[in-house]
Amino acid sequence: MSLNLKKSAEKVQIELNRFGFELNVIELPDSTRTAQEAANAIGCTVGQIAKS
């Protein structure tokens, strides 16, 4: 099954689907190493970011 995701992201998506979550994993082209970078990449505040 290819979802056009890196292998690790694809595994997460498969598990989300398996448990019935209607969520989609996306991979961003910009760096998201920090919460600030992640917030900048998706256009939200740092307080809205949950880093794994």
N, C-alpha and C. Protein backbone atom coordinates (compact mmCIF):
# COMPACT_ATOMS: atom_id res chain seq x y z
N MET A 1 0.85 -1.18 0.00
CA MET A 1 0.00 0.00 0.00
C MET A 1 0.89 1.23 0.00
N SER A 2 0.79 2.04 -1.02
CA SER A 2 1.58 3.25 -1.08
C SER A 2 0.68 4.47 -0.95
N LEU A 3 0.98 5.29 0.02
CA LEU A 3 0.20 6.50 0.26
C LEU A 3 1.00 7.75 -0.09
N ASN A 4 2.11 7.57 -0.80
CA ASN A 4 3.02 8.66 -1.13
C ASN A 4 3.59 9.35 0.11
N LEU A 5 3.79 8.57 1.16
CA LEU A 5 4.40 9.04 2.40
C LEU A 5 5.68 8.27 2.64
N LYS A 6 6.57 8.85 3.41
CA LYS A 6 7.74 8.09 3.84
C LYS A 6 7.26 6.91 4.66
N LYS A 7 8.06 5.88 4.72
CA LYS A 7 7.65 4.63 5.37
C LYS A 7 7.15 4.85 6.80
N SER A 8 7.85 5.65 7.59
CA SER A 8 7.44 5.86 8.98
C SER A 8 6.10 6.59 9.05
N ALA A 9 5.88 7.57 8.20
CA ALA A 9 4.61 8.30 8.18
C ALA A 9 3.49 7.40 7.68
N GLU A 10 3.81 6.54 6.73
CA GLU A 10 2.81 5.61 6.21
C GLU A 10 2.35 4.65 7.31
N LYS A 11 3.27 4.20 8.15
CA LYS A 11 2.91 3.31 9.26
C LYS A 11 1.93 4.00 10.21
N VAL A 12 2.18 5.27 10.50
CA VAL A 12 1.28 6.03 11.37
C VAL A 12 -0.09 6.14 10.72
N GLN A 13 -0.14 6.44 9.44
CA GLN A 13 -1.42 6.56 8.74
C GLN A 13 -2.18 5.25 8.77
N ILE A 14 -1.50 4.16 8.55
CA ILE A 14 -2.16 2.84 8.56
C ILE A 14 -2.79 2.58 9.93
N GLU A 15 -2.07 2.90 10.99
CA GLU A 15 -2.61 2.68 12.34
C GLU A 15 -3.79 3.61 12.64
N LEU A 16 -3.70 4.85 12.20
CA LEU A 16 -4.84 5.76 12.37
C LEU A 16 -6.08 5.18 11.69
N ASN A 17 -5.90 4.70 10.47
CA ASN A 17 -7.00 4.11 9.72
C ASN A 17 -7.54 2.87 10.43
N ARG A 18 -6.64 2.04 10.91
CA ARG A 18 -7.02 0.79 11.56
C ARG A 18 -7.89 1.05 12.78
N PHE A 19 -7.60 2.11 13.52
CA PHE A 19 -8.37 2.45 14.72
C PHE A 19 -9.58 3.34 14.42
N GLY A 20 -9.81 3.60 13.14
CA GLY A 20 -11.01 4.32 12.74
C GLY A 20 -10.93 5.84 12.81
N PHE A 21 -9.74 6.38 12.98
CA PHE A 21 -9.59 7.83 13.01
C PHE A 21 -9.68 8.39 11.59
N GLU A 22 -10.43 9.45 11.43
CA GLU A 22 -10.55 10.09 10.12
C GLU A 22 -9.56 11.26 10.05
N LEU A 23 -8.29 10.93 10.12
CA LEU A 23 -7.20 11.90 10.08
C LEU A 23 -6.26 11.53 8.95
N ASN A 24 -5.60 12.52 8.38
CA ASN A 24 -4.64 12.27 7.31
C ASN A 24 -3.27 12.81 7.69
N VAL A 25 -2.28 11.93 7.63
CA VAL A 25 -0.90 12.33 7.87
C VAL A 25 -0.43 13.11 6.65
N ILE A 26 0.22 14.24 6.89
CA ILE A 26 0.83 15.00 5.79
C ILE A 26 2.30 15.22 6.11
N GLU A 27 3.09 15.30 5.09
CA GLU A 27 4.51 15.62 5.23
C GLU A 27 4.72 17.01 4.64
N LEU A 28 5.37 17.84 5.41
CA LEU A 28 5.58 19.23 4.99
C LEU A 28 6.94 19.40 4.32
N PRO A 29 7.00 20.27 3.32
CA PRO A 29 8.26 20.49 2.62
C PRO A 29 9.27 21.30 3.44
N ASP A 30 8.77 22.11 4.38
CA ASP A 30 9.65 22.94 5.20
C ASP A 30 10.06 22.20 6.46
N SER A 31 11.14 22.66 7.07
CA SER A 31 11.60 22.06 8.32
C SER A 31 10.58 22.27 9.43
N THR A 32 10.39 21.25 10.24
CA THR A 32 9.52 21.34 11.42
C THR A 32 10.22 20.78 12.65
N ARG A 33 11.52 20.99 12.70
CA ARG A 33 12.31 20.47 13.83
C ARG A 33 11.90 21.09 15.15
N THR A 34 11.48 22.32 15.13
CA THR A 34 11.05 22.98 16.36
C THR A 34 9.56 23.29 16.27
N ALA A 35 8.97 23.54 17.42
CA ALA A 35 7.55 23.91 17.43
C ALA A 35 7.33 25.19 16.65
N GLN A 36 8.26 26.14 16.75
CA GLN A 36 8.12 27.40 16.01
C GLN A 36 8.16 27.16 14.51
N GLU A 37 9.08 26.32 14.05
CA GLU A 37 9.15 26.00 12.62
C GLU A 37 7.87 25.32 12.15
N ALA A 38 7.33 24.42 12.96
CA ALA A 38 6.10 23.72 12.60
C ALA A 38 4.94 24.72 12.51
N ALA A 39 4.85 25.61 13.49
CA ALA A 39 3.79 26.62 13.48
C ALA A 39 3.90 27.51 12.24
N ASN A 40 5.11 27.92 11.93
CA ASN A 40 5.33 28.74 10.73
C ASN A 40 4.93 27.99 9.46
N ALA A 41 5.25 26.71 9.40
CA ALA A 41 4.99 25.91 8.19
C ALA A 41 3.50 25.75 7.92
N ILE A 42 2.68 25.68 8.98
CA ILE A 42 1.25 25.46 8.75
C ILE A 42 0.39 26.68 9.06
N GLY A 43 1.02 27.75 9.55
CA GLY A 43 0.31 28.99 9.77
C GLY A 43 -0.55 29.03 11.02
N CYS A 44 0.01 28.53 12.13
CA CYS A 44 -0.73 28.60 13.39
C CYS A 44 0.21 29.10 14.49
N THR A 45 -0.26 29.14 15.72
CA THR A 45 0.59 29.57 16.83
C THR A 45 1.33 28.38 17.41
N VAL A 46 2.41 28.65 18.12
CA VAL A 46 3.21 27.58 18.75
C VAL A 46 2.34 26.79 19.72
N GLY A 47 1.42 27.46 20.42
CA GLY A 47 0.56 26.79 21.39
C GLY A 47 -0.38 25.76 20.77
N GLN A 48 -0.54 25.80 19.45
CA GLN A 48 -1.40 24.84 18.76
C GLN A 48 -0.63 23.65 18.23
N ILE A 49 0.65 23.57 18.51
CA ILE A 49 1.50 22.50 17.99
C ILE A 49 1.71 21.43 19.05
N ALA A 50 1.56 20.20 18.66
CA ALA A 50 1.90 19.05 19.52
C ALA A 50 3.04 18.32 18.84
N LYS A 51 4.21 18.37 19.43
CA LYS A 51 5.38 17.70 18.83
C LYS A 51 5.47 16.28 19.36
N SER A 52 5.85 15.36 18.48
CA SER A 52 6.02 13.96 18.90
C SER A 52 7.45 13.70 19.28
